[in-house]
């Protein structure tokens, strides 16, 4: 498990964030995709939909979960590949590399120096 993810999870002060995270993890599919209805999660956890929505938004801001496209009326998500992985090793390496590249782009980093060169 990546230390960045652990640091992000430590910031959660609300039990509902962890409950929603574990409900999403229950639905984890191959290559870390999660197709989950917020209404279903709310019913399962006996929470209101607004609380589930807020918890998911906090998980996204903390980068524990990555928001994906809509499928029908449901939003899809993907577990941060640095947090854990369900799928092939080759695709895990690619997902981690893609995420690092996105973080570098977001930070304005144009390259990485390796071995002092």
N, C-alpha and C. Protein backbone atom coordinates (compact mmCIF):
# COMPACT_ATOMS: atom_id res chain seq x y z
N UNK A 1 0.84 -1.17 0.00
CA UNK A 1 0.00 0.00 0.00
C UNK A 1 0.90 1.24 0.00
N UNK A 2 0.56 2.19 -0.82
CA UNK A 2 1.34 3.41 -0.97
C UNK A 2 1.16 4.33 0.23
N UNK A 3 2.26 4.96 0.65
CA UNK A 3 2.19 5.84 1.82
C UNK A 3 1.35 7.09 1.56
N UNK A 4 1.31 7.57 0.31
CA UNK A 4 0.47 8.73 0.00
C UNK A 4 -0.99 8.43 0.29
N UNK A 5 -1.41 7.23 -0.06
CA UNK A 5 -2.79 6.84 0.17
C UNK A 5 -3.06 6.73 1.67
N UNK A 6 -2.14 6.15 2.39
CA UNK A 6 -2.31 6.04 3.85
C UNK A 6 -2.41 7.42 4.48
N UNK A 7 -1.58 8.36 4.03
CA UNK A 7 -1.65 9.73 4.55
C UNK A 7 -3.01 10.36 4.23
N UNK A 8 -3.52 10.09 3.05
CA UNK A 8 -4.82 10.63 2.66
C UNK A 8 -5.93 10.05 3.54
N UNK A 9 -5.85 8.76 3.81
CA UNK A 9 -6.90 8.13 4.62
C UNK A 9 -6.88 8.63 6.06
N UNK A 10 -5.71 9.01 6.57
CA UNK A 10 -5.63 9.51 7.94
C UNK A 10 -6.40 10.82 8.11
N UNK A 11 -6.61 11.55 7.01
CA UNK A 11 -7.30 12.83 7.13
C UNK A 11 -8.80 12.68 7.36
N UNK A 12 -9.35 11.49 7.10
CA UNK A 12 -10.78 11.30 7.27
C UNK A 12 -11.13 11.31 8.74
N UNK A 13 -12.03 12.18 9.10
CA UNK A 13 -12.47 12.31 10.48
C UNK A 13 -13.83 11.67 10.70
N UNK A 14 -14.51 11.33 9.61
CA UNK A 14 -15.87 10.82 9.71
C UNK A 14 -15.89 9.31 9.46
N UNK A 15 -16.59 8.61 10.30
CA UNK A 15 -16.76 7.18 10.15
C UNK A 15 -17.45 6.86 8.82
N UNK A 16 -18.36 7.73 8.38
CA UNK A 16 -19.09 7.46 7.13
C UNK A 16 -18.15 7.37 5.93
N UNK A 17 -17.03 8.09 5.94
CA UNK A 17 -16.07 8.00 4.84
C UNK A 17 -15.50 6.59 4.73
N UNK A 18 -15.15 6.02 5.87
CA UNK A 18 -14.61 4.66 5.87
C UNK A 18 -15.68 3.64 5.50
N UNK A 19 -16.89 3.85 6.00
CA UNK A 19 -17.99 2.93 5.68
C UNK A 19 -18.26 2.92 4.18
N UNK A 20 -18.29 4.10 3.57
CA UNK A 20 -18.53 4.18 2.12
C UNK A 20 -17.35 3.59 1.36
N UNK A 21 -16.13 3.86 1.79
CA UNK A 21 -14.97 3.27 1.13
C UNK A 21 -15.06 1.75 1.14
N UNK A 22 -15.39 1.16 2.28
CA UNK A 22 -15.48 -0.30 2.34
C UNK A 22 -16.65 -0.83 1.52
N UNK A 23 -17.74 -0.07 1.43
CA UNK A 23 -18.85 -0.49 0.56
C UNK A 23 -18.41 -0.47 -0.90
N UNK A 24 -17.61 0.53 -1.28
CA UNK A 24 -17.08 0.57 -2.64
C UNK A 24 -16.10 -0.59 -2.88
N UNK A 25 -15.26 -0.86 -1.89
CA UNK A 25 -14.30 -1.96 -2.03
C UNK A 25 -15.00 -3.31 -2.19
N UNK A 26 -16.17 -3.46 -1.56
CA UNK A 26 -16.94 -4.69 -1.73
C UNK A 26 -17.34 -4.91 -3.18
N UNK A 27 -17.48 -3.81 -3.92
CA UNK A 27 -17.91 -3.87 -5.31
C UNK A 27 -16.74 -3.81 -6.29
N UNK A 28 -15.54 -3.91 -5.78
CA UNK A 28 -14.34 -3.82 -6.62
C UNK A 28 -14.33 -4.92 -7.66
N UNK A 29 -14.14 -4.51 -8.91
CA UNK A 29 -14.13 -5.46 -10.02
C UNK A 29 -12.73 -5.49 -10.62
N UNK A 30 -12.54 -6.35 -11.60
CA UNK A 30 -11.26 -6.53 -12.27
C UNK A 30 -10.75 -5.19 -12.81
N UNK A 31 -9.46 -4.96 -12.70
CA UNK A 31 -8.77 -3.72 -13.11
C UNK A 31 -9.21 -2.51 -12.28
N UNK A 32 -9.71 -2.77 -11.07
CA UNK A 32 -10.04 -1.76 -10.07
C UNK A 32 -11.29 -0.93 -10.39
N UNK A 33 -12.12 -1.39 -11.32
CA UNK A 33 -13.32 -0.64 -11.63
C UNK A 33 -14.40 -0.93 -10.59
N UNK A 34 -15.18 0.12 -10.31
CA UNK A 34 -16.27 0.02 -9.35
C UNK A 34 -17.50 0.64 -10.00
N UNK A 35 -18.55 -0.14 -10.15
CA UNK A 35 -19.81 0.37 -10.66
C UNK A 35 -20.79 0.27 -9.51
N UNK A 36 -21.14 1.41 -8.92
CA UNK A 36 -21.94 1.39 -7.70
C UNK A 36 -23.01 2.46 -7.75
N UNK A 37 -24.19 2.09 -7.35
CA UNK A 37 -25.28 3.05 -7.20
C UNK A 37 -25.18 3.67 -5.80
N UNK A 38 -25.17 4.98 -5.75
CA UNK A 38 -25.12 5.64 -4.45
C UNK A 38 -26.36 5.31 -3.63
N UNK A 39 -27.50 5.12 -4.31
CA UNK A 39 -28.73 4.76 -3.60
C UNK A 39 -28.59 3.38 -2.96
N UNK A 40 -27.99 2.43 -3.68
CA UNK A 40 -27.79 1.09 -3.12
C UNK A 40 -26.86 1.13 -1.91
N UNK A 41 -25.78 1.92 -2.02
CA UNK A 41 -24.85 2.04 -0.90
C UNK A 41 -25.55 2.68 0.29
N UNK A 42 -26.33 3.72 0.03
CA UNK A 42 -27.07 4.40 1.10
C UNK A 42 -28.02 3.43 1.80
N UNK A 43 -28.75 2.63 1.04
CA UNK A 43 -29.67 1.65 1.65
C UNK A 43 -28.91 0.62 2.46
N UNK A 44 -27.82 0.11 1.89
CA UNK A 44 -27.02 -0.92 2.58
C UNK A 44 -26.46 -0.41 3.89
N UNK A 45 -25.98 0.84 3.90
CA UNK A 45 -25.33 1.41 5.08
C UNK A 45 -26.30 2.15 5.99
N UNK A 46 -27.58 2.19 5.58
CA UNK A 46 -28.60 2.94 6.32
C UNK A 46 -28.18 4.40 6.52
N UNK A 47 -27.73 4.99 5.41
CA UNK A 47 -27.34 6.41 5.37
C UNK A 47 -28.23 7.11 4.34
N UNK A 48 -28.24 8.43 4.40
CA UNK A 48 -28.95 9.14 3.33
C UNK A 48 -28.03 9.29 2.12
N UNK A 49 -28.63 9.44 0.94
CA UNK A 49 -27.84 9.51 -0.29
C UNK A 49 -26.89 10.70 -0.28
N UNK A 50 -27.31 11.81 0.31
CA UNK A 50 -26.45 13.00 0.36
C UNK A 50 -25.18 12.70 1.16
N UNK A 51 -25.30 11.94 2.24
CA UNK A 51 -24.13 11.57 3.04
C UNK A 51 -23.18 10.68 2.27
N UNK A 52 -23.73 9.75 1.50
CA UNK A 52 -22.90 8.88 0.65
C UNK A 52 -22.21 9.71 -0.41
N UNK A 53 -22.94 10.63 -1.02
CA UNK A 53 -22.36 11.50 -2.05
C UNK A 53 -21.21 12.33 -1.48
N UNK A 54 -21.40 12.91 -0.31
CA UNK A 54 -20.34 13.72 0.32
C UNK A 54 -19.12 12.87 0.64
N UNK A 55 -19.35 11.65 1.14
CA UNK A 55 -18.24 10.77 1.48
C UNK A 55 -17.46 10.39 0.22
N UNK A 56 -18.16 10.10 -0.87
CA UNK A 56 -17.48 9.76 -2.12
C UNK A 56 -16.69 10.95 -2.63
N UNK A 57 -17.23 12.15 -2.52
CA UNK A 57 -16.49 13.34 -2.95
C UNK A 57 -15.21 13.50 -2.13
N UNK A 58 -15.27 13.22 -0.83
CA UNK A 58 -14.06 13.32 0.00
C UNK A 58 -13.05 12.23 -0.40
N UNK A 59 -13.53 11.04 -0.74
CA UNK A 59 -12.64 9.97 -1.20
C UNK A 59 -11.95 10.35 -2.50
N UNK A 60 -12.67 11.05 -3.37
CA UNK A 60 -12.10 11.49 -4.64
C UNK A 60 -11.07 12.58 -4.40
N UNK A 61 -11.39 13.55 -3.55
CA UNK A 61 -10.43 14.63 -3.24
C UNK A 61 -9.16 14.06 -2.63
N UNK A 62 -9.30 13.04 -1.79
CA UNK A 62 -8.14 12.40 -1.15
C UNK A 62 -7.41 11.47 -2.11
N UNK A 63 -7.95 11.28 -3.30
CA UNK A 63 -7.39 10.43 -4.34
C UNK A 63 -7.34 8.96 -3.95
N UNK A 64 -8.20 8.54 -3.04
CA UNK A 64 -8.34 7.12 -2.74
C UNK A 64 -9.18 6.46 -3.82
N UNK A 65 -10.09 7.23 -4.39
CA UNK A 65 -10.98 6.77 -5.44
C UNK A 65 -10.91 7.77 -6.58
N UNK A 66 -10.94 7.27 -7.81
CA UNK A 66 -10.90 8.12 -9.00
C UNK A 66 -12.26 8.03 -9.68
N UNK A 67 -12.83 9.19 -9.99
CA UNK A 67 -14.15 9.21 -10.64
C UNK A 67 -14.04 8.82 -12.10
N UNK A 68 -14.97 8.01 -12.54
CA UNK A 68 -15.01 7.57 -13.93
C UNK A 68 -16.27 8.07 -14.62
N UNK A 69 -16.52 7.56 -15.81
CA UNK A 69 -17.70 8.00 -16.57
C UNK A 69 -18.99 7.41 -16.01
N UNK A 70 -20.10 7.98 -16.44
CA UNK A 70 -21.41 7.44 -16.08
C UNK A 70 -21.70 6.21 -16.93
N UNK A 71 -22.33 5.22 -16.31
CA UNK A 71 -22.83 4.05 -17.02
C UNK A 71 -24.31 3.99 -16.68
N UNK A 72 -25.14 4.33 -17.63
CA UNK A 72 -26.57 4.46 -17.35
C UNK A 72 -26.78 5.66 -16.44
N UNK A 73 -27.43 5.42 -15.31
CA UNK A 73 -27.64 6.53 -14.37
C UNK A 73 -26.61 6.54 -13.25
N UNK A 74 -25.75 5.53 -13.21
CA UNK A 74 -24.75 5.42 -12.15
C UNK A 74 -23.40 5.97 -12.58
N UNK A 75 -22.73 6.58 -11.65
CA UNK A 75 -21.36 7.03 -11.84
C UNK A 75 -20.46 5.83 -11.57
N UNK A 76 -19.38 5.70 -12.31
CA UNK A 76 -18.41 4.64 -12.05
C UNK A 76 -17.20 5.24 -11.34
N UNK A 77 -16.45 4.39 -10.69
CA UNK A 77 -15.26 4.82 -9.96
C UNK A 77 -14.17 3.80 -10.20
N UNK A 78 -12.98 4.16 -9.80
CA UNK A 78 -11.85 3.24 -9.87
C UNK A 78 -11.02 3.45 -8.61
N UNK A 79 -10.67 2.36 -7.97
CA UNK A 79 -9.82 2.44 -6.79
C UNK A 79 -8.44 2.90 -7.23
N UNK A 80 -7.85 3.82 -6.50
CA UNK A 80 -6.50 4.28 -6.78
C UNK A 80 -5.58 3.06 -6.85
N UNK A 81 -4.86 2.88 -7.97
CA UNK A 81 -4.02 1.69 -8.10
C UNK A 81 -2.87 1.63 -7.10
N UNK A 82 -2.56 2.74 -6.45
CA UNK A 82 -1.54 2.72 -5.41
C UNK A 82 -2.10 2.19 -4.08
N UNK A 83 -3.41 2.16 -3.96
CA UNK A 83 -4.05 1.68 -2.74
C UNK A 83 -4.15 0.17 -2.74
N UNK A 84 -4.44 -0.39 -3.88
CA UNK A 84 -4.58 -1.83 -4.02
C UNK A 84 -4.91 -2.14 -5.47
N UNK A 85 -4.89 -3.40 -5.83
CA UNK A 85 -5.13 -3.75 -7.23
C UNK A 85 -5.79 -5.11 -7.33
N UNK A 86 -6.76 -5.20 -8.21
CA UNK A 86 -7.42 -6.46 -8.54
C UNK A 86 -7.34 -6.60 -10.05
N UNK A 87 -6.40 -7.38 -10.52
CA UNK A 87 -6.22 -7.54 -11.96
C UNK A 87 -4.82 -8.03 -12.28
N UNK A 88 -4.45 -7.88 -13.53
CA UNK A 88 -3.15 -8.37 -13.98
C UNK A 88 -2.01 -7.44 -13.54
N UNK A 89 -0.85 -8.02 -13.37
CA UNK A 89 0.32 -7.25 -12.94
C UNK A 89 0.70 -6.22 -13.99
N UNK A 90 0.67 -6.61 -15.26
CA UNK A 90 1.03 -5.68 -16.33
C UNK A 90 0.12 -4.47 -16.36
N UNK A 91 -1.17 -4.68 -16.18
CA UNK A 91 -2.10 -3.54 -16.17
C UNK A 91 -1.95 -2.71 -14.90
N UNK A 92 -1.54 -3.34 -13.80
CA UNK A 92 -1.29 -2.57 -12.58
C UNK A 92 -0.12 -1.61 -12.79
N UNK A 93 0.96 -2.13 -13.37
CA UNK A 93 2.12 -1.27 -13.64
C UNK A 93 1.74 -0.11 -14.56
N UNK A 94 0.93 -0.40 -15.58
CA UNK A 94 0.50 0.64 -16.50
C UNK A 94 -0.37 1.67 -15.79
N UNK A 95 -1.29 1.22 -14.94
CA UNK A 95 -2.18 2.14 -14.22
C UNK A 95 -1.40 3.04 -13.27
N UNK A 96 -0.41 2.47 -12.57
CA UNK A 96 0.43 3.27 -11.66
C UNK A 96 1.24 4.29 -12.46
N UNK A 97 1.80 3.87 -13.59
CA UNK A 97 2.57 4.76 -14.44
C UNK A 97 1.69 5.88 -15.00
N UNK A 98 0.50 5.54 -15.46
CA UNK A 98 -0.43 6.56 -15.98
C UNK A 98 -0.81 7.56 -14.90
N UNK A 99 -1.05 7.06 -13.69
CA UNK A 99 -1.42 7.96 -12.60
C UNK A 99 -0.25 8.89 -12.25
N UNK A 100 0.97 8.35 -12.24
CA UNK A 100 2.13 9.19 -11.94
C UNK A 100 2.29 10.27 -13.02
N UNK A 101 2.08 9.89 -14.26
CA UNK A 101 2.18 10.86 -15.35
C UNK A 101 1.13 11.97 -15.20
N UNK A 102 -0.08 11.61 -14.81
CA UNK A 102 -1.14 12.60 -14.59
C UNK A 102 -0.78 13.53 -13.45
N UNK A 103 -0.22 12.98 -12.38
CA UNK A 103 0.18 13.82 -11.24
C UNK A 103 1.31 14.77 -11.64
N UNK A 104 2.25 14.27 -12.46
CA UNK A 104 3.35 15.13 -12.93
C UNK A 104 2.81 16.25 -13.81
N UNK A 105 1.88 15.93 -14.71
CA UNK A 105 1.28 16.95 -15.57
C UNK A 105 0.56 18.00 -14.73
N UNK A 106 -0.18 17.54 -13.74
CA UNK A 106 -0.92 18.45 -12.87
C UNK A 106 0.03 19.39 -12.10
N UNK A 107 1.20 18.85 -11.72
CA UNK A 107 2.18 19.64 -10.97
C UNK A 107 3.10 20.46 -11.87
N UNK A 108 2.97 20.27 -13.19
CA UNK A 108 3.80 21.02 -14.13
C UNK A 108 5.21 20.47 -14.27
N UNK A 109 5.41 19.23 -13.91
CA UNK A 109 6.73 18.58 -14.03
C UNK A 109 6.83 18.02 -15.45
N UNK A 110 7.89 18.37 -16.14
CA UNK A 110 8.01 17.95 -17.55
C UNK A 110 8.91 16.74 -17.74
N UNK A 111 9.69 16.36 -16.77
CA UNK A 111 10.58 15.21 -16.93
C UNK A 111 11.16 14.79 -15.61
N UNK A 112 11.77 13.64 -15.61
CA UNK A 112 12.39 13.10 -14.41
C UNK A 112 13.84 12.83 -14.71
N UNK A 113 14.72 13.23 -13.81
CA UNK A 113 16.14 12.97 -13.96
C UNK A 113 16.44 11.63 -13.30
N UNK A 114 17.09 10.74 -14.04
CA UNK A 114 17.44 9.44 -13.48
C UNK A 114 18.96 9.29 -13.49
N UNK A 115 19.51 8.75 -12.42
CA UNK A 115 20.94 8.49 -12.28
C UNK A 115 21.78 9.74 -12.50
N UNK A 116 21.24 10.90 -12.11
CA UNK A 116 22.01 12.14 -12.23
C UNK A 116 22.17 12.66 -13.65
N UNK A 117 21.43 12.13 -14.58
CA UNK A 117 21.56 12.57 -15.99
C UNK A 117 20.34 13.33 -16.43
